[in-house]
């Protein structure tokens, strides 16, 4: 295969130049893998945007230092889309220089993903404890204002969506404990709801259905599971798909890096 020196690198003089069979395979395998990653990046971004718009109330539970899982997912999707797009362009244009740059960038992205997954696994217990603290703070402000405020609305939606009640102990979180302490400060003090739960705790959402139900053990009338364990049950159900998706993208990225390295070798040195 003929190559021409362009200042600081070798390239094909024409994209129509005849390629050997190994070179053709290397090129189109790399294009195919890059295209799959491009689709994966679009999918991650779209899912993140959908979650941010349709399930934004859960960010009150799970955000850390202002960063939410949906923001991380969108950022990850954009990064995958960007690198895969440049990879397609560099492969199609036979640009050894651009392939070298994108190989380094993709390699750093893969390393970041591995570090991120490792950190997320080790951070699990801390994340659960912080989520419980945030949920406790939310329930403490429930009913703080006489009108329907954002905190009250958010917690009502969470309880309805997750079929849950309270924080960790279910309906009991909305009343005083045996030692007289309580976490639902405004709900109990301002509303005089010492033995009530919000109507959003009811299995069937009927006005006034939560009156006198703070000590209820009737799971057919009042949801008994706390919202924090209910949220993590929801996460566990989706975690297998999430981890599988990340692993597939990670493997495709490793294949893509190898493919770009091989194709760059074809451009610069030949087989």
Protein backbone atom coordinates (compact mmCIF):
# COMPACT_ATOMS: atom_id res chain seq x y z
CA UNK A 1 0.00 0.00 0.00
CA UNK A 2 1.40 3.39 -1.01
CA UNK A 3 1.60 6.07 1.67
CA UNK A 4 2.52 9.73 1.33
CA UNK A 5 4.30 11.78 3.98
CA UNK A 6 2.24 14.82 5.09
CA UNK A 7 4.60 16.92 7.18
CA UNK A 8 4.48 14.90 10.40
CA UNK A 9 2.63 11.71 9.48
CA UNK A 10 1.92 9.26 6.68
CA UNK A 11 -1.51 8.94 5.09
CA UNK A 12 -3.19 7.48 2.05
CA UNK A 13 -3.03 9.86 -0.90
CA UNK A 14 -6.62 8.87 -1.72
CA UNK A 15 -9.48 7.23 0.14
CA UNK A 16 -10.16 5.28 -3.07
CA UNK A 17 -6.78 3.57 -3.03
CA UNK A 18 -6.92 -0.22 -3.13
CA UNK A 19 -6.64 -1.83 0.30
CA UNK A 20 -5.44 -5.31 1.07
CA UNK A 21 -7.89 -7.74 2.70
CA UNK A 22 -6.47 -7.36 6.25
CA UNK A 23 -6.56 -3.58 5.91
CA UNK A 24 -10.14 -3.64 4.67
CA UNK A 25 -11.19 -5.86 7.58
CA UNK A 26 -9.41 -3.64 10.11
CA UNK A 27 -11.05 -0.53 8.69
CA UNK A 28 -14.62 -1.77 8.57
CA UNK A 29 -14.50 -3.61 11.90
CA UNK A 30 -13.35 -0.35 13.47
CA UNK A 31 -16.11 1.59 11.72
CA UNK A 32 -18.72 -0.93 12.85
CA UNK A 33 -17.59 -0.90 16.50
CA UNK A 34 -17.42 2.91 16.47
CA UNK A 35 -20.96 3.02 15.11
CA UNK A 36 -22.21 0.70 17.90
CA UNK A 37 -20.56 2.96 20.48
CA UNK A 38 -22.10 6.02 18.83
CA UNK A 39 -25.55 4.44 19.20
CA UNK A 40 -24.74 3.51 22.82
CA UNK A 41 -23.71 7.09 23.58
CA UNK A 42 -26.96 8.42 22.12
CA UNK A 43 -28.95 5.86 24.14
CA UNK A 44 -27.21 6.80 27.43
CA UNK A 45 -27.78 10.50 26.81
CA UNK A 46 -31.44 9.98 25.88
CA UNK A 47 -32.10 7.81 28.96
CA UNK A 48 -30.40 10.38 31.19
CA UNK A 49 -32.49 13.22 29.76
CA UNK A 50 -35.67 11.15 30.13
CA UNK A 51 -34.86 10.34 33.77
CA UNK A 52 -34.02 13.98 34.48
CA UNK A 53 -37.39 15.11 33.14
CA UNK A 54 -39.71 12.33 34.31
CA UNK A 55 -38.14 11.24 37.60
CA UNK A 56 -36.47 14.43 38.78
CA UNK A 57 -37.87 14.08 42.30
CA UNK A 58 -35.52 11.17 43.00
CA UNK A 59 -32.57 13.53 42.63
CA UNK A 60 -33.58 15.01 46.00
CA UNK A 61 -32.71 11.60 47.45
CA UNK A 62 -29.56 10.63 45.60
CA UNK A 63 -27.61 13.74 44.60
CA UNK A 64 -24.12 14.11 46.09
CA UNK A 65 -22.28 17.45 46.14
CA UNK A 66 -24.76 18.75 43.57
CA UNK A 67 -24.07 15.84 41.21
CA UNK A 68 -26.94 13.48 40.34
CA UNK A 69 -26.89 10.04 38.65
CA UNK A 70 -28.84 11.49 35.72
CA UNK A 71 -26.19 14.19 35.20
CA UNK A 72 -23.44 11.55 35.28
CA UNK A 73 -25.33 9.39 32.79
CA UNK A 74 -25.84 12.29 30.39
CA UNK A 75 -22.17 13.32 30.65
CA UNK A 76 -21.05 9.74 30.09
CA UNK A 77 -23.31 9.38 27.04
CA UNK A 78 -22.02 12.63 25.52
CA UNK A 79 -18.38 11.54 26.06
CA UNK A 80 -18.97 8.13 24.44
CA UNK A 81 -20.81 9.78 21.53
CA UNK A 82 -18.02 12.31 20.99
CA UNK A 83 -15.15 9.82 20.99
CA UNK A 84 -16.98 7.30 18.80
CA UNK A 85 -17.92 10.04 16.30
CA UNK A 86 -14.31 11.22 16.02
CA UNK A 87 -13.19 7.59 15.72
CA UNK A 88 -15.55 7.06 12.75
CA UNK A 89 -14.30 10.27 11.12
CA UNK A 90 -10.61 9.46 11.64
CA UNK A 91 -11.04 5.91 10.35
CA UNK A 92 -12.94 7.00 7.25
CA UNK A 93 -10.46 9.80 6.45
CA UNK A 94 -7.40 7.58 7.02
CA UNK A 95 -5.97 10.13 9.46
CA UNK A 96 -3.13 8.59 11.44
CA UNK A 97 -2.66 11.74 13.52
CA UNK A 98 -6.33 12.00 14.53
CA UNK A 99 -6.46 8.28 15.28
CA UNK A 100 -3.47 8.68 17.60
CA UNK A 101 -5.18 11.50 19.48
CA UNK A 102 -8.47 9.63 19.82
CA UNK A 103 -6.71 6.43 20.94
CA UNK A 104 -5.22 8.34 23.88
CA UNK A 105 -8.56 10.00 24.68
CA UNK A 106 -10.51 6.74 24.50
CA UNK A 107 -7.91 4.96 26.64
CA UNK A 108 -8.22 7.65 29.33
CA UNK A 109 -12.04 7.38 29.17
CA UNK A 110 -11.86 3.60 29.65
CA UNK A 111 -9.52 4.03 32.63
CA UNK A 112 -11.92 6.60 34.10
CA UNK A 113 -14.85 4.23 33.72
CA UNK A 114 -13.00 1.42 35.50
CA UNK A 115 -12.01 3.76 38.35
CA UNK A 116 -15.57 5.10 38.53
CA UNK A 117 -17.13 1.64 38.73
CA UNK A 118 -14.65 0.62 41.44
CA UNK A 119 -15.37 3.78 43.43
CA UNK A 120 -19.14 3.36 43.06
CA UNK A 121 -18.91 -0.19 44.42
CA UNK A 122 -16.83 0.88 47.44
CA UNK A 123 -19.08 3.93 48.03
CA UNK A 124 -22.33 1.90 48.23
CA UNK A 125 -22.74 1.86 52.04
CA UNK A 126 -21.88 5.56 52.38
CA UNK A 127 -24.31 6.37 49.56
CA UNK A 128 -27.12 4.50 51.32
CA UNK A 129 -26.47 6.30 54.61
CA UNK A 130 -26.38 9.71 52.91
CA UNK A 131 -29.60 8.92 51.06
CA UNK A 132 -31.31 8.09 54.36
CA UNK A 133 -30.11 11.40 55.85
CA UNK A 134 -31.47 13.36 52.86
CA UNK A 135 -34.80 11.53 53.04
CA UNK A 136 -35.01 12.28 56.77
CA UNK A 137 -34.38 15.97 56.08
CA UNK A 138 -37.10 15.97 53.42
CA UNK A 139 -39.70 14.42 55.69
CA UNK A 140 -38.67 16.90 58.39
CA UNK A 141 -39.71 19.77 56.09
CA UNK A 142 -42.91 18.07 54.91
CA UNK A 143 -45.84 20.42 55.52
CA UNK A 144 -43.59 23.29 56.56
CA UNK A 145 -45.66 25.77 54.60
CA UNK A 146 -49.40 26.20 54.75
CA UNK A 147 -49.69 25.87 50.97
CA UNK A 148 -48.52 22.93 48.84
CA UNK A 149 -44.76 23.45 48.69
CA UNK A 150 -42.12 21.71 46.58
CA UNK A 151 -40.80 19.43 49.35
CA UNK A 152 -44.28 18.20 50.22
CA UNK A 153 -45.14 17.61 46.58
CA UNK A 154 -41.88 15.77 45.93
CA UNK A 155 -42.32 13.40 48.85
CA UNK A 156 -45.94 12.73 47.96
CA UNK A 157 -44.91 11.76 44.42
CA UNK A 158 -42.11 9.53 45.70
CA UNK A 159 -44.47 7.71 48.08
CA UNK A 160 -47.02 7.17 45.29
CA UNK A 161 -44.46 6.09 42.69
CA UNK A 162 -42.55 3.67 44.93
CA UNK A 163 -45.56 2.39 46.90
CA UNK A 164 -43.86 3.38 50.14
CA UNK A 165 -44.39 5.43 53.29
CA UNK A 166 -41.95 7.40 55.47
CA UNK A 167 -38.18 6.92 55.43
CA UNK A 168 -37.11 3.50 56.74
CA UNK A 169 -39.77 2.40 59.23
CA UNK A 170 -42.87 2.91 57.13
CA UNK A 171 -45.92 4.67 58.65
CA UNK A 172 -44.17 4.91 62.03
CA UNK A 173 -41.84 7.59 60.63
CA UNK A 174 -44.80 10.00 60.52
CA UNK A 175 -45.52 9.82 64.24
CA UNK A 176 -43.72 10.07 67.57
CA UNK A 177 -41.57 7.19 68.75
CA UNK A 178 -41.90 5.64 72.21
CA UNK A 179 -39.35 8.11 73.64
CA UNK A 180 -41.32 11.09 72.31
CA UNK A 181 -38.90 11.95 69.48
CA UNK A 182 -40.00 12.39 65.89
CA UNK A 183 -38.58 13.32 62.49
CA UNK A 184 -41.72 14.69 60.77
CA UNK A 185 -41.42 17.97 62.65
CA UNK A 186 -43.77 20.26 60.69
CA UNK A 187 -46.24 17.50 59.89
CA UNK A 188 -46.79 16.78 63.59
CA UNK A 189 -46.36 20.23 65.15
CA UNK A 190 -48.14 22.48 62.67
CA UNK A 191 -50.68 20.06 61.27
CA UNK A 192 -51.51 18.28 64.53
CA UNK A 193 -51.10 14.95 62.77
CA UNK A 194 -49.61 12.99 65.66
CA UNK A 195 -51.32 9.78 64.55
CA UNK A 196 -51.81 10.47 60.84
CA UNK A 197 -49.89 9.76 57.65
CA UNK A 198 -50.13 11.69 54.37
CA UNK A 199 -52.76 10.41 51.96
CA UNK A 200 -49.93 9.52 49.57
CA UNK A 201 -49.10 6.62 51.92
CA UNK A 202 -52.45 4.99 51.16
CA UNK A 203 -52.72 2.06 48.76
CA UNK A 204 -55.81 3.74 47.34
CA UNK A 205 -55.30 7.50 47.25
CA UNK A 206 -58.51 8.79 48.83
CA UNK A 207 -58.76 12.15 50.56
CA UNK A 208 -58.45 11.67 54.33
CA UNK A 209 -57.40 8.03 54.03
CA UNK A 210 -54.27 8.61 56.14
CA UNK A 211 -56.08 9.92 59.23
CA UNK A 212 -55.30 7.79 62.29
CA UNK A 213 -53.13 5.38 60.29
CA UNK A 214 -49.63 6.14 61.65
CA UNK A 215 -49.67 2.95 63.72
CA UNK A 216 -51.36 0.87 61.05
CA UNK A 217 -49.96 -2.56 60.15
CA UNK A 218 -52.53 -3.10 57.44
CA UNK A 219 -50.54 -3.50 54.23
CA UNK A 220 -53.68 -3.61 52.12
CA UNK A 221 -54.58 -0.07 53.19
CA UNK A 222 -51.28 1.71 54.01
CA UNK A 223 -47.93 1.01 52.36
CA UNK A 224 -45.65 -0.51 55.02
CA UNK A 225 -42.24 -0.26 53.38
CA UNK A 226 -40.12 2.86 53.94
CA UNK A 227 -39.17 4.90 50.87
CA UNK A 228 -35.39 4.47 51.26
CA UNK A 229 -35.47 0.63 51.13
CA UNK A 230 -38.11 0.86 48.39
CA UNK A 231 -35.80 3.13 46.37
CA UNK A 232 -32.87 0.76 46.74
CA UNK A 233 -35.07 -2.20 45.79
CA UNK A 234 -35.88 -0.26 42.60
CA UNK A 235 -32.15 0.35 42.03
CA UNK A 236 -31.36 -3.35 42.57
CA UNK A 237 -33.98 -4.35 39.98
CA UNK A 238 -32.38 -2.05 37.39
CA UNK A 239 -28.76 -2.60 38.42
CA UNK A 240 -28.27 -5.81 36.42
CA UNK A 241 -29.29 -4.08 33.19
CA UNK A 242 -27.22 -1.00 34.04
CA UNK A 243 -24.05 -2.97 34.84
CA UNK A 244 -24.53 -5.17 31.76
CA UNK A 245 -24.88 -2.06 29.56
CA UNK A 246 -21.76 -0.42 31.01
CA UNK A 247 -19.73 -3.65 30.64
CA UNK A 248 -20.82 -4.03 27.00
CA UNK A 249 -19.86 -0.43 26.22
CA UNK A 250 -16.58 -0.87 28.08
CA UNK A 251 -15.72 -4.01 26.08
CA UNK A 252 -16.66 -2.28 22.82
CA UNK A 253 -14.40 0.63 23.76
CA UNK A 254 -11.48 -1.73 24.39
CA UNK A 255 -12.11 -3.39 21.01
CA UNK A 256 -12.35 0.05 19.43
CA UNK A 257 -9.03 1.17 20.91
CA UNK A 258 -7.38 -2.00 19.60
CA UNK A 259 -9.06 -1.54 16.22
CA UNK A 260 -7.94 2.10 15.95
CA UNK A 261 -4.40 1.12 16.92
CA UNK A 262 -4.35 -1.59 14.25
CA UNK A 263 -5.85 0.68 11.61
CA UNK A 264 -3.37 3.45 12.42
CA UNK A 265 -0.57 0.95 12.04
CA UNK A 266 -1.96 0.08 8.61
CA UNK A 267 -1.96 3.77 7.65
CA UNK A 268 1.47 4.65 8.99
CA UNK A 269 3.46 1.41 8.62
CA UNK A 270 1.30 -1.08 6.73
CA UNK A 271 0.85 -4.70 7.75
